[in-house]
Amino acid sequence: MSVTKPARARRSRTSALRADVLPAAARTLRRLRDALRKATFQRIARRWRRSLLFKTVVSTLLLVTLACAGVGAFLSHQIAGALYEERLSQFQSEATAGLNSAKENFRTTAATDREGTERLVSNTLSLLEGQGADARRLYLLTPLPDQEQNLFVSQTLGEGITAGSIPETLSASIRSIDVNADQDTIHWSPLALAHGEPGLAFGTKVTLPPDSAEYALYLIYDLDSMQQTLDDIHRILWIAGGLLLAIIGTIAWIVAKAGVGAVSDAAAVSEKLAAGELQERMVVKGEDEVARLAASFNHMAATLQDQITQLAQLSRMQQVFVSDVSHELRTPLTTVRMAAEVLYDAREGFDPISRRSTELLYHQVERFQALLADLLEISRFDAGAASPDLEPTDIFTVVREVMEATEPLALNIGSPVTIVSKETSCMVDADPRRIERILRNLVVNALEHGEGQPIEIAIGSNIDAVAVAVRDHGIGMTDDEASRVFDRFWRADPARARTTGGSGLGLSIAVEDALLHGGLLQAWGRPGDGACFRLTLPRRHGVPFSDSPVPLSPYDSGRGPRALAGPVSPAEEKTDAS
């Protein structure tokens, strides 16, 4: 019957579908299997890292398993060796007696024809076959290679035994025997029987009447019963090892649980205390070391709770005091400022001493007002009331506004301020007012300590972050000073005169503004080589970043200055900080 074209087309499409789908399904299954295996390994590794109880029990079980395996292998080897030597001695004695007896019967027989010879062989060999010393015995009588012609008795086989089962080394040893000189020579060798059972073969050379034809006579012992005995011993060892492993594992779990349980409870309570649940305590049971540890831990937690409560109350009182004082000072300060402005505007009509006093009063009132504004801002940060007004902002626009605002100070000091960047625009989600305040503080600080040297503002970006670094070449600072420069009211040199008369809170407020955006404000310095302050902001608010696109230090592993606007890795940043 012929196949139609549509049927052939369907069959072809089915074959093509199988050829495409089946390998793809197999690959998918392999990937799933690999993923499952990897996930299982990762869970075990995570449990090993995080659980001391799991690590202790598994380590104990592994060590006990190795010990049991070593002891079991030693015992098995010793038992097998002793049992084999004992059976070999018994078999050798028994086989020697049986083979010599058969050899004597063949030598002293009066048979002269085929029938008599066959009867002699059958009767003699039947005495050899049977049950020997705890093992079944088999025989094999086979003519030697040069005795193949005119034999009365051909090859006589026991159950499942052939001449091919005999090892060649044993056959060669039998052929080399001189029946006239070596009357009682017996050779032996291990061998494998028909179904792979272990055995021992003992053999010698005999002659059969009437023409003294030479034959190899073998007496073979089946060692399967001995192997079964060894298997039973191994099975008992495995069962005993498994029971010992289970018992020791249980003991290890109980003992480890008693010790590690207290550590786990302490860790859990410590995490809750760190999370602010200061009322959490460990359960004290008994009077042993673990109970004393729990009692000591609870005493420590209670002491910490009292101290933290006192510090929190003191901090709240301090914040309330700063906030209240700042607010209360605004009204009298406004009055004083208005009076100072009136006096300042009329200073030209005063005598020189009064005019100088009026100018000092006016400037100090302005400084006092700036300090009061900073204190109010700090109090808002401490109270958690500050929040940024985020909008898409071009960081270049903010930087240029800061440069314009600080241009009079830069001209007065004589430090040119320049932008170093390969880009022309960097958009970021930010509060322009707060970012402008951060950068103005950094630029003013650089101008104050730049010793009239040029100031560079480096701007860079990557896929996750935008960074601005302000670099001066002035007096610089040490690593200790760089770690404290953001503290409130801290100054590296309190005796040094300041041009702008800041409040000492500018960098502290800048750090709070940076954290409010989810960013970082960092400092680097080297005495005599200037300092660098870097602001790093995430491009999208709430999206974390890993690397800053602008280096913090202008040095790369001690190889000299480098471009300030290139990318930097965390490893380089760590090297620079050191």
Protein backbone atom coordinates (compact mmCIF):
# COMPACT_ATOMS: atom_id res chain seq x y z
CA MET A 1 0.00 0.00 0.00
CA SER A 2 1.46 3.40 -0.96
CA VAL A 3 1.70 6.30 1.50
CA THR A 4 0.02 9.53 0.46
CA LYS A 5 1.91 12.82 0.40
CA PRO A 6 -0.06 14.39 3.35
CA ALA A 7 0.68 11.33 5.48
CA ARG A 8 4.37 11.51 4.60
CA ALA A 9 4.39 15.25 5.39
CA ARG A 10 2.77 14.66 8.79
CA ARG A 11 5.26 11.91 9.56
CA SER A 12 8.13 14.17 8.52
CA ARG A 13 6.85 17.00 10.73
CA THR A 14 6.45 14.57 13.65
CA SER A 15 10.01 13.31 13.20
CA ALA A 16 11.34 16.86 13.02
CA LEU A 17 9.35 17.81 16.12
CA ARG A 18 10.80 14.86 18.03
CA ALA A 19 14.30 15.71 16.84
CA ASP A 20 13.89 19.29 18.16
CA VAL A 21 11.83 18.78 21.30
CA LEU A 22 13.42 15.70 22.84
CA PRO A 23 17.01 17.06 23.01
CA ALA A 24 15.71 20.37 24.32
CA ALA A 25 13.70 18.58 27.03
CA ALA A 26 16.75 16.50 27.97
CA ARG A 27 18.87 19.64 28.26
CA THR A 28 16.20 21.28 30.41
CA LEU A 29 16.08 18.26 32.71
CA ARG A 30 19.86 18.27 33.01
CA ARG A 31 19.86 21.98 33.87
CA LEU A 32 17.13 21.43 36.47
CA ARG A 33 19.05 18.53 37.98
CA ASP A 34 22.26 20.56 38.10
CA ALA A 35 20.42 23.53 39.62
CA LEU A 36 18.81 21.29 42.25
CA ARG A 37 22.17 19.72 43.11
CA LYS A 38 23.79 23.15 43.36
CA ALA A 39 20.96 24.50 45.52
CA THR A 40 21.24 21.48 47.84
CA PHE A 41 24.98 21.97 48.18
CA GLN A 42 24.51 25.68 48.86
CA ARG A 43 21.93 24.95 51.58
CA ILE A 44 24.28 22.47 53.25
CA ALA A 45 27.20 24.92 53.00
CA ARG A 46 25.04 27.74 54.44
CA ARG A 47 23.91 25.48 57.28
CA TRP A 48 27.55 24.51 57.93
CA ARG A 49 28.58 28.16 58.17
CA ARG A 50 25.68 29.32 60.33
CA SER A 51 24.97 26.41 62.71
CA LEU A 52 27.52 25.34 65.30
CA LEU A 53 25.25 22.44 66.32
CA PHE A 54 25.09 21.15 62.74
CA LYS A 55 28.86 21.56 62.33
CA THR A 56 29.60 19.74 65.61
CA VAL A 57 27.30 16.78 64.92
CA VAL A 58 28.41 16.39 61.28
CA SER A 59 32.09 16.63 62.24
CA THR A 60 31.59 14.01 64.96
CA LEU A 61 29.78 11.68 62.56
CA LEU A 62 32.47 12.08 59.91
CA LEU A 63 35.26 11.33 62.40
CA VAL A 64 33.37 8.34 63.81
CA THR A 65 32.70 7.08 60.27
CA LEU A 66 36.41 7.30 59.43
CA ALA A 67 37.31 5.54 62.69
CA CYS A 68 34.72 2.78 62.12
CA ALA A 69 35.86 2.35 58.53
CA GLY A 70 39.49 2.02 59.62
CA VAL A 71 38.72 -0.40 62.46
CA GLY A 72 36.31 -2.38 60.27
CA ALA A 73 38.84 -2.67 57.45
CA PHE A 74 41.53 -3.82 59.91
CA LEU A 75 39.22 -6.39 61.53
CA SER A 76 37.99 -7.63 58.15
CA HIS A 77 41.56 -8.05 56.91
CA GLN A 78 42.64 -9.86 60.06
CA ILE A 79 39.61 -12.15 60.14
CA ALA A 80 39.84 -12.96 56.43
CA GLY A 81 43.59 -13.64 56.72
CA ALA A 82 43.21 -15.87 59.77
CA LEU A 83 40.28 -17.77 58.27
CA TYR A 84 42.10 -18.23 54.96
CA GLU A 85 45.30 -19.49 56.63
CA GLU A 86 43.34 -21.92 58.78
CA ARG A 87 41.34 -23.31 55.84
CA LEU A 88 44.43 -23.45 53.62
CA SER A 89 46.27 -25.59 56.18
CA GLN A 90 43.30 -27.95 56.49
CA PHE A 91 42.75 -28.18 52.73
CA GLN A 92 46.45 -28.70 52.02
CA SER A 93 46.69 -31.59 54.50
CA GLU A 94 43.49 -33.17 53.26
CA ALA A 95 44.31 -32.71 49.56
CA THR A 96 47.82 -34.11 49.97
CA ALA A 97 46.47 -37.26 51.59
CA GLY A 98 43.73 -37.69 48.98
CA LEU A 99 45.92 -37.06 45.94
CA ASN A 100 48.72 -39.33 47.20
CA SER A 101 46.20 -42.07 47.91
CA ALA A 102 44.77 -41.77 44.36
CA LYS A 103 48.28 -41.77 42.90
CA GLU A 104 49.12 -44.95 44.85
CA ASN A 105 45.93 -46.67 43.64
CA PHE A 106 46.76 -45.87 40.02
CA ARG A 107 50.34 -47.07 40.43
CA THR A 108 49.52 -50.41 42.11
CA THR A 109 46.45 -51.43 40.06
CA ALA A 110 46.33 -54.68 38.05
CA ALA A 111 43.99 -53.28 35.36
CA THR A 112 45.14 -54.01 31.81
CA ASP A 113 42.21 -53.05 29.61
CA ARG A 114 40.05 -50.01 28.99
CA GLU A 115 37.11 -51.22 31.03
CA GLY A 116 39.24 -51.99 34.06
CA THR A 117 41.06 -48.70 33.82
CA GLU A 118 37.82 -46.72 33.57
CA ARG A 119 36.38 -48.60 36.54
CA LEU A 120 39.55 -47.88 38.54
CA VAL A 121 39.39 -44.19 37.71
CA SER A 122 35.68 -43.90 38.54
CA ASN A 123 36.02 -45.65 41.88
CA THR A 124 39.12 -43.69 42.90
CA LEU A 125 37.82 -40.29 41.91
CA SER A 126 34.45 -40.85 43.57
CA LEU A 127 36.33 -41.11 46.86
CA LEU A 128 37.87 -37.68 46.29
CA GLU A 129 34.59 -35.90 45.53
CA GLY A 130 32.26 -34.82 48.31
CA GLN A 131 32.35 -32.68 51.41
CA GLY A 132 35.78 -31.87 52.75
CA ALA A 133 36.81 -29.66 55.66
CA ASP A 134 33.88 -27.21 55.65
CA ALA A 135 34.01 -26.94 51.84
CA ARG A 136 32.69 -28.86 48.83
CA ARG A 137 35.35 -30.83 46.90
CA LEU A 138 35.53 -31.36 43.15
CA TYR A 139 38.01 -33.26 40.98
CA LEU A 140 39.45 -32.97 37.52
CA LEU A 141 41.52 -35.62 35.70
CA THR A 142 42.87 -34.41 32.39
CA PRO A 143 45.59 -35.85 30.14
CA LEU A 144 48.73 -33.81 29.62
CA PRO A 145 49.18 -32.13 26.21
CA ASP A 146 51.63 -34.76 24.90
CA GLN A 147 49.35 -37.67 25.93
CA GLU A 148 46.38 -36.98 23.64
CA GLN A 149 46.72 -40.16 21.47
CA ASN A 150 45.64 -43.78 22.33
CA LEU A 151 44.28 -43.00 25.81
CA PHE A 152 42.03 -45.44 27.62
CA VAL A 153 40.57 -42.63 29.80
CA SER A 154 39.77 -39.23 28.36
CA GLN A 155 39.20 -36.05 30.41
CA THR A 156 37.15 -36.78 33.54
CA LEU A 157 35.34 -33.75 34.96
CA GLY A 158 33.77 -32.90 38.27
CA GLU A 159 30.67 -30.73 38.54
CA GLY A 160 31.19 -27.44 36.67
CA ILE A 161 34.95 -27.89 36.32
CA THR A 162 36.86 -27.68 33.04
CA ALA A 163 40.54 -27.68 32.15
CA GLY A 164 40.20 -23.99 31.17
CA SER A 165 39.38 -23.15 34.81
CA ILE A 166 42.86 -24.21 35.94
CA PRO A 167 45.41 -21.33 36.08
CA GLU A 168 48.23 -21.68 33.58
CA THR A 169 50.89 -21.37 36.29
CA LEU A 170 49.45 -24.39 38.13
CA SER A 171 49.19 -26.41 34.90
CA ALA A 172 52.83 -25.62 34.07
CA SER A 173 53.90 -26.68 37.57
CA ILE A 174 52.06 -30.02 37.18
CA ARG A 175 53.66 -30.69 33.82
CA SER A 176 57.13 -30.13 35.28
CA ILE A 177 56.70 -32.85 37.94
CA ASP A 178 58.91 -35.95 37.53
CA VAL A 179 56.68 -38.86 38.60
CA ASN A 180 59.67 -41.07 39.30
CA ALA A 181 61.65 -38.57 41.41
CA ASP A 182 58.88 -36.38 42.92
CA GLN A 183 56.56 -38.98 44.32
CA ASP A 184 54.67 -36.76 46.80
CA THR A 185 54.89 -33.35 45.08
CA ILE A 186 51.64 -31.35 45.36
CA HIS A 187 51.11 -27.86 43.85
CA TRP A 188 48.26 -25.48 44.63
CA SER A 189 46.82 -22.18 43.42
CA PRO A 190 43.68 -20.04 43.95
CA LEU A 191 41.18 -19.90 41.10
CA ALA A 192 37.69 -18.75 40.13
CA LEU A 193 35.01 -21.37 39.56
CA ALA A 194 32.31 -21.45 36.88
CA HIS A 195 30.12 -18.72 38.44
CA GLY A 196 32.94 -16.63 39.86
CA GLU A 197 33.05 -18.40 43.24
CA PRO A 198 36.48 -18.42 44.90
CA GLY A 199 38.29 -21.74 45.10
CA LEU A 200 41.58 -23.51 45.76
CA ALA A 201 43.05 -26.10 43.37
CA PHE A 202 45.59 -28.74 44.47
CA GLY A 203 47.18 -30.86 41.76
CA THR A 204 49.74 -33.49 40.98
CA LYS A 205 50.85 -35.73 38.08
CA VAL A 206 49.62 -39.39 37.96
CA THR A 207 50.05 -42.30 35.56
CA LEU A 208 47.32 -44.70 34.43
CA PRO A 209 47.76 -48.28 33.26
CA PRO A 210 48.34 -50.10 31.09
CA ASP A 211 50.83 -47.87 29.20
CA SER A 212 51.66 -45.47 32.08
CA ALA A 213 49.99 -42.48 30.35
CA GLU A 214 50.56 -39.22 32.29
CA TYR A 215 47.59 -37.22 33.59
CA ALA A 216 47.09 -34.12 35.73
CA LEU A 217 44.87 -34.81 38.71
CA TYR A 218 43.33 -31.82 40.50
CA LEU A 219 41.39 -31.67 43.73
CA ILE A 220 39.42 -28.40 43.88
CA TYR A 221 37.81 -26.86 46.97
CA ASP A 222 34.85 -24.53 46.62
CA LEU A 223 35.39 -21.60 49.05
CA ASP A 224 31.89 -20.17 48.60
CA SER A 225 30.94 -21.20 52.14
CA MET A 226 33.97 -19.35 53.51
CA GLN A 227 33.08 -16.31 51.40
CA GLN A 228 29.54 -16.41 52.80
CA THR A 229 31.03 -16.52 56.30
CA LEU A 230 33.13 -13.44 55.50
CA ASP A 231 30.07 -11.71 54.00
CA ASP A 232 28.14 -12.44 57.21
CA ILE A 233 30.99 -11.01 59.25
CA HIS A 234 31.08 -7.90 57.02
CA ARG A 235 27.33 -7.51 57.34
CA ILE A 236 27.60 -7.70 61.12
CA LEU A 237 30.40 -5.13 61.06
CA TRP A 238 28.31 -2.79 58.87
CA ILE A 239 25.27 -3.15 61.15
CA ALA A 240 27.39 -2.64 64.27
CA GLY A 241 29.07 0.39 62.66
CA GLY A 242 25.71 1.88 61.67
CA LEU A 243 24.30 1.38 65.18
CA LEU A 244 27.47 2.83 66.71
CA LEU A 245 27.24 5.79 64.34
CA ALA A 246 23.61 6.42 65.26
CA ILE A 247 24.33 6.13 68.98
CA ILE A 248 27.36 8.43 68.86
CA GLY A 249 25.49 10.88 66.61
CA THR A 250 22.63 11.02 69.12
CA ILE A 251 25.05 11.49 72.00
CA ALA A 252 26.90 14.22 70.09
CA TRP A 253 23.61 16.00 69.30
CA ILE A 254 22.48 15.86 72.94
CA VAL A 255 25.83 17.07 74.29
CA ALA A 256 26.22 19.76 71.61
CA LYS A 257 22.63 20.88 72.07
CA ALA A 258 23.25 21.37 75.79
CA GLY A 259 26.23 23.64 75.10
CA VAL A 260 25.31 25.21 71.79
CA GLY A 261 21.69 25.74 72.81
CA ALA A 262 22.77 28.34 75.36
CA VAL A 263 24.94 30.05 72.74
CA SER A 264 22.03 30.06 70.27
CA ASP A 265 19.70 31.51 72.88
CA ALA A 266 22.28 34.17 73.75
CA ALA A 267 22.71 35.03 70.07
CA ALA A 268 18.94 35.29 69.56
CA VAL A 269 18.52 37.49 72.63
CA SER A 270 21.52 39.62 71.54
CA GLU A 271 19.93 40.20 68.12
CA LYS A 272 16.69 41.28 69.77
CA LEU A 273 18.59 43.60 72.10
CA ALA A 274 20.42 45.08 69.11
CA ALA A 275 17.04 45.58 67.39
CA GLY A 276 15.87 47.69 70.33
CA GLU A 277 13.93 45.06 72.33
CA LEU A 278 15.79 45.86 75.53
CA GLN A 279 13.39 43.88 77.72
CA GLU A 280 14.48 40.50 76.26
CA ARG A 281 16.24 38.10 78.66
CA MET A 282 17.60 34.55 78.62
CA VAL A 283 15.82 31.75 80.52
CA VAL A 284 17.82 30.59 83.55
CA LYS A 285 17.49 26.85 84.32
CA GLY A 286 19.42 25.11 87.09
CA GLU A 287 22.69 26.15 88.70
CA ASP A 288 25.32 24.86 86.26
CA GLU A 289 27.73 26.82 84.05
CA VAL A 290 25.06 27.45 81.41
CA ALA A 291 22.72 28.82 84.06
CA ARG A 292 25.45 31.10 85.39
CA LEU A 293 26.13 32.26 81.82
CA ALA A 294 22.43 33.08 81.34
CA ALA A 295 22.29 34.94 84.66
CA SER A 296 25.42 36.95 83.82
CA PHE A 297 24.04 37.73 80.37
CA ASN A 298 20.74 38.92 81.86
CA HIS A 299 22.61 41.11 84.35
CA MET A 300 24.65 42.62 81.51
CA ALA A 301 21.48 43.20 79.46
CA ALA A 302 19.77 44.91 82.40
CA THR A 303 22.81 47.15 82.96
CA LEU A 304 22.95 48.04 79.27
CA GLN A 305 19.22 48.75 79.25
CA ASP A 306 19.58 51.18 82.15
CA GLN A 307 22.54 52.93 80.54
CA ILE A 308 20.88 53.11 77.12
CA THR A 309 17.71 54.44 78.70
CA GLN A 310 19.68 57.10 80.54
CA LEU A 311 21.61 58.04 77.40
CA ALA A 312 18.41 58.18 75.36
CA GLN A 313 16.78 60.44 77.93
CA LEU A 314 19.87 62.62 78.02
CA SER A 315 19.97 62.77 74.22
CA ARG A 316 16.30 63.73 74.06
CA MET A 317 16.82 66.37 76.70
CA GLN A 318 19.82 67.71 74.77
CA GLN A 319 17.90 67.78 71.50
CA VAL A 320 14.93 69.47 73.12
CA PHE A 321 17.25 71.96 74.82
CA VAL A 322 19.05 72.82 71.57
CA SER A 323 15.80 73.10 69.67
CA ASP A 324 14.10 75.22 72.34
CA VAL A 325 17.08 77.50 72.85
CA SER A 326 17.49 77.94 69.09
CA HIS A 327 13.86 78.87 68.68
CA GLU A 328 13.85 81.16 71.72
CA LEU A 329 16.95 82.99 70.47
CA ARG A 330 15.44 83.79 67.08
CA THR A 331 13.27 86.68 68.33
CA PRO A 332 15.90 88.57 70.38
CA LEU A 333 18.50 87.84 67.68
CA THR A 334 16.23 89.41 65.06
CA THR A 335 15.92 92.53 67.25
CA VAL A 336 19.65 92.68 67.84
CA ARG A 337 20.33 92.24 64.12
CA MET A 338 17.95 95.05 63.18
CA ALA A 339 19.71 97.34 65.69
CA ALA A 340 23.11 96.23 64.40
CA GLU A 341 22.05 96.98 60.82
CA VAL A 342 20.90 100.50 61.82
CA LEU A 343 24.22 101.13 63.54
CA TYR A 344 26.16 99.60 60.65
CA ASP A 345 24.42 101.83 58.09
CA ALA A 346 25.22 104.92 60.21
CA ARG A 347 28.85 103.97 60.99
CA GLU A 348 30.32 106.66 58.74
CA GLY A 349 29.31 109.35 61.26
CA PHE A 350 31.00 107.60 64.19
CA ASP A 351 34.48 108.08 65.50
CA PRO A 352 37.01 105.38 64.46
CA ILE A 353 36.65 103.31 67.64
CA SER A 354 32.85 103.32 67.52
CA ARG A 355 32.86 102.55 63.79
CA ARG A 356 35.14 99.55 64.31
CA SER A 357 32.96 98.33 67.17
CA THR A 358 29.85 98.67 65.00
CA GLU A 359 31.43 96.63 62.18
CA LEU A 360 32.49 93.87 64.61
CA LEU A 361 29.01 93.80 66.12
CA TYR A 362 27.36 93.52 62.69
CA HIS A 363 29.60 90.68 61.48
CA GLN A 364 29.37 88.72 64.72
CA VAL A 365 25.57 89.00 64.71
CA GLU A 366 25.58 87.59 61.16
CA ARG A 367 27.79 84.75 62.31
CA PHE A 368 25.52 84.16 65.31
CA GLN A 369 22.50 84.01 62.99
CA ALA A 370 24.27 81.46 60.73
CA LEU A 371 25.16 79.36 63.78
CA LEU A 372 21.55 79.51 64.97
CA ALA A 373 20.29 78.40 61.55
CA ASP A 374 22.74 75.47 61.60
CA LEU A 375 21.63 74.47 65.09
CA LEU A 376 18.01 74.46 63.98
CA GLU A 377 18.91 72.30 60.98
CA ILE A 378 20.85 69.88 63.19
CA SER A 379 17.90 69.64 65.57
CA ARG A 380 15.63 68.71 62.64
CA PHE A 381 18.06 65.95 61.62
CA ASP A 382 18.21 64.64 65.18
CA ALA A 383 14.43 64.61 65.44
CA GLY A 384 14.11 62.77 62.12
CA ALA A 385 11.96 65.55 60.69
CA ALA A 386 14.16 66.29 57.67
CA SER A 387 13.12 64.96 54.26
CA PRO A 388 14.46 65.77 50.78
CA ASP A 389 12.37 67.33 48.02
CA LEU A 390 13.58 65.11 45.19
CA GLU A 391 13.48 66.11 41.55
CA PRO A 392 15.58 65.37 38.42
CA THR A 393 18.66 67.58 38.83
CA ASP A 394 21.64 68.25 36.61
CA ILE A 395 24.66 68.16 38.92
CA PHE A 396 26.60 70.44 36.54
CA THR A 397 24.00 73.18 37.02
CA VAL A 398 24.31 72.95 40.80
CA VAL A 399 28.12 73.04 40.61
CA ARG A 400 28.09 76.14 38.42
CA GLU A 401 25.71 77.89 40.82
CA VAL A 402 28.05 77.10 43.69
CA MET A 403 31.02 78.45 41.72
CA GLU A 404 29.16 81.69 41.04
CA ALA A 405 28.18 82.05 44.71
CA THR A 406 31.74 81.48 45.94
CA GLU A 407 33.45 83.50 43.19
CA PRO A 408 34.02 86.61 45.38
CA LEU A 409 35.73 84.48 48.05
CA ALA A 410 37.84 82.68 45.40
CA LEU A 411 38.94 86.03 43.90
CA ASN A 412 39.75 87.39 47.35
CA ILE A 413 41.88 84.35 48.23
CA GLY A 414 43.35 83.99 44.75
CA SER A 415 42.42 80.32 44.15
CA PRO A 416 41.02 79.54 40.69
CA VAL A 417 38.16 77.01 40.72
CA THR A 418 37.79 74.72 37.68
CA ILE A 419 35.61 71.77 36.67
CA VAL A 420 37.40 68.52 35.63
CA SER A 421 35.11 66.15 33.77
CA LYS A 422 34.69 64.28 30.49
CA GLU A 423 30.92 64.81 30.63
CA THR A 424 28.68 67.82 30.20
CA SER A 425 25.53 66.68 31.99
CA CYS A 426 24.77 64.25 34.85
CA MET A 427 21.13 63.80 35.88
CA VAL A 428 20.32 62.53 39.35
CA ASP A 429 17.29 62.37 41.67
CA ALA A 430 18.17 64.95 44.34
CA ASP A 431 17.07 67.94 46.38
CA PRO A 432 18.89 70.85 44.63
CA ARG A 433 18.87 73.04 47.74
CA ARG A 434 20.54 70.41 49.93
CA ILE A 435 23.05 69.38 47.24
CA GLU A 436 23.94 73.04 46.69
CA ARG A 437 24.51 73.43 50.43
CA ILE A 438 26.79 70.35 50.51
CA LEU A 439 28.90 71.52 47.58
CA ARG A 440 29.06 75.11 48.85
CA ASN A 441 30.42 73.84 52.17
CA LEU A 442 33.02 71.71 50.36
CA VAL A 443 34.15 74.51 48.05
CA VAL A 444 34.34 77.08 50.85
CA ASN A 445 36.25 74.59 52.99
CA ALA A 446 38.68 73.97 50.09
CA LEU A 447 39.17 77.71 49.58
CA GLU A 448 39.75 78.23 53.32
CA HIS A 449 42.48 75.54 53.47
CA GLY A 450 43.78 75.67 49.90
CA GLU A 451 46.57 78.20 50.63
CA GLY A 452 45.74 80.08 47.41
CA GLN A 453 46.34 76.99 45.24
CA PRO A 454 43.96 75.93 42.41
CA ILE A 455 40.75 74.06 43.33
CA GLU A 456 39.44 71.27 41.07
CA ILE A 457 35.86 70.00 41.07
CA ALA A 458 35.74 66.55 39.44
CA ILE A 459 32.39 65.24 38.19
CA GLY A 460 31.77 61.68 37.00
CA SER A 461 28.98 59.15 36.62
CA ASN A 462 28.31 55.50 35.91
CA ILE A 463 25.16 53.46 35.49
CA ASP A 464 24.34 53.54 39.23
CA ALA A 465 25.86 56.68 40.72
CA VAL A 466 26.98 60.28 40.24
CA ALA A 467 29.95 61.70 42.15
CA VAL A 468 31.47 65.14 42.76
CA ALA A 469 34.96 65.49 44.29
CA VAL A 470 36.41 68.82 45.49
CA ARG A 471 40.22 68.74 45.55
CA ASP A 472 42.53 71.39 47.03
CA HIS A 473 46.34 71.55 47.22
CA GLY A 474 46.67 73.25 50.57
CA ILE A 475 47.78 72.21 54.03
CA GLY A 476 46.05 68.79 53.85
CA MET A 477 45.24 66.59 56.83
CA THR A 478 46.21 63.29 58.44
CA ASP A 479 44.20 60.08 58.39
CA ASP A 480 43.06 60.73 61.96
CA GLU A 481 41.89 64.21 61.03
CA ALA A 482 40.10 62.84 57.96
CA SER A 483 38.19 60.41 60.18
CA ARG A 484 37.06 63.25 62.51
CA VAL A 485 36.51 66.07 60.06
CA PHE A 486 32.73 65.46 59.95
CA ASP A 487 32.30 65.67 63.75
CA ARG A 488 30.28 68.57 65.07
CA PHE A 489 32.30 71.66 66.07
CA TRP A 490 35.59 69.84 65.36
CA ARG A 491 38.51 71.83 63.92
CA ALA A 492 41.97 70.50 63.05
CA ASP A 493 43.67 73.71 64.24
CA PRO A 494 41.45 75.74 66.61
CA ALA A 495 44.01 78.57 66.73
CA ARG A 496 44.02 79.05 62.95
CA ALA A 497 42.21 82.14 61.73
CA ARG A 498 39.24 81.63 59.39
CA THR A 499 38.26 83.91 56.56
CA THR A 500 34.52 83.23 56.56
CA GLY A 501 33.96 82.50 60.23
CA GLY A 502 31.91 79.32 59.89
CA SER A 503 29.90 77.69 62.65
CA GLY A 504 31.75 74.37 62.71
CA LEU A 505 28.57 72.49 61.74
CA GLY A 506 28.80 72.76 57.95
CA LEU A 507 30.40 69.38 57.24
CA SER A 508 28.18 67.67 59.81
CA ILE A 509 25.10 69.02 58.07
CA ALA A 510 26.60 68.04 54.70
CA VAL A 511 26.96 64.43 55.88
CA GLU A 512 23.35 64.37 57.07
CA ASP A 513 22.20 65.77 53.71
CA ALA A 514 24.19 63.10 51.85
CA LEU A 515 22.73 60.30 53.99
CA LEU A 516 19.27 61.75 53.44
CA HIS A 517 19.79 61.09 49.71
CA GLY A 518 21.17 57.57 50.30
CA GLY A 519 24.65 58.79 49.35
CA LEU A 520 28.11 59.03 50.91
CA LEU A 521 30.38 61.95 51.81
CA GLN A 522 34.02 60.91 52.26
CA ALA A 523 37.30 62.70 52.95
CA TRP A 524 40.95 62.06 52.07
CA GLY A 525 44.01 64.09 52.95
CA ARG A 526 47.77 64.10 53.14
CA PRO A 527 49.75 66.72 55.08
CA GLY A 528 51.25 69.26 52.69
CA ASP A 529 49.52 67.71 49.67
CA GLY A 530 45.97 68.95 50.12
CA ALA A 531 42.68 67.19 50.68
CA CYS A 532 39.77 65.79 48.69
CA PHE A 533 36.09 65.53 49.66
CA ARG A 534 33.88 63.28 47.54
CA LEU A 535 30.07 63.23 47.39
CA THR A 536 28.54 60.11 45.81
CA LEU A 537 24.80 59.96 45.09
CA PRO A 538 22.65 57.18 43.60
CA ARG A 539 21.17 58.05 40.21
CA ARG A 540 17.77 56.76 41.34
CA HIS A 541 16.74 57.38 44.93
CA GLY A 542 16.63 54.14 46.92
CA VAL A 543 18.70 52.18 44.39
CA PRO A 544 22.05 51.17 45.95
CA PHE A 545 25.39 51.60 44.18
CA SER A 546 28.63 49.66 44.51
CA ASP A 547 31.43 51.84 43.13
CA SER A 548 31.98 55.58 42.95
CA PRO A 549 32.77 56.92 39.47
CA VAL A 550 35.32 59.42 40.85
CA PRO A 551 38.42 58.43 42.88
CA LEU A 552 38.72 59.69 46.42
CA SER A 553 42.52 59.83 46.42
CA PRO A 554 44.61 61.36 43.60
CA TYR A 555 47.25 58.65 44.12
CA ASP A 556 47.19 55.11 42.81
CA SER A 557 49.18 52.65 45.01
CA GLY A 558 52.02 55.15 45.46
CA ARG A 559 52.70 55.68 41.72
CA GLY A 560 52.14 59.42 41.87
CA PRO A 561 49.23 61.72 41.03
CA ARG A 562 46.56 60.57 38.61
CA ALA A 563 43.50 62.04 36.91
CA LEU A 564 40.83 62.88 39.46
CA ALA A 565 37.88 62.18 37.17
CA GLY A 566 38.57 58.50 36.33
CA PRO A 567 36.68 55.52 37.75
CA VAL A 568 37.88 53.91 40.96
CA SER A 569 37.37 50.43 42.38
CA PRO A 570 36.91 49.54 46.07
CA ALA A 571 40.38 47.91 46.11
CA GLU A 572 42.03 51.14 44.85
CA GLU A 573 40.05 53.18 47.33
CA LYS A 574 41.26 50.99 50.19
CA THR A 575 44.86 51.34 49.02
CA ASP A 576 44.54 55.11 48.74
CA ALA A 577 43.07 55.45 52.21
CA SER A 578 46.01 53.55 53.67
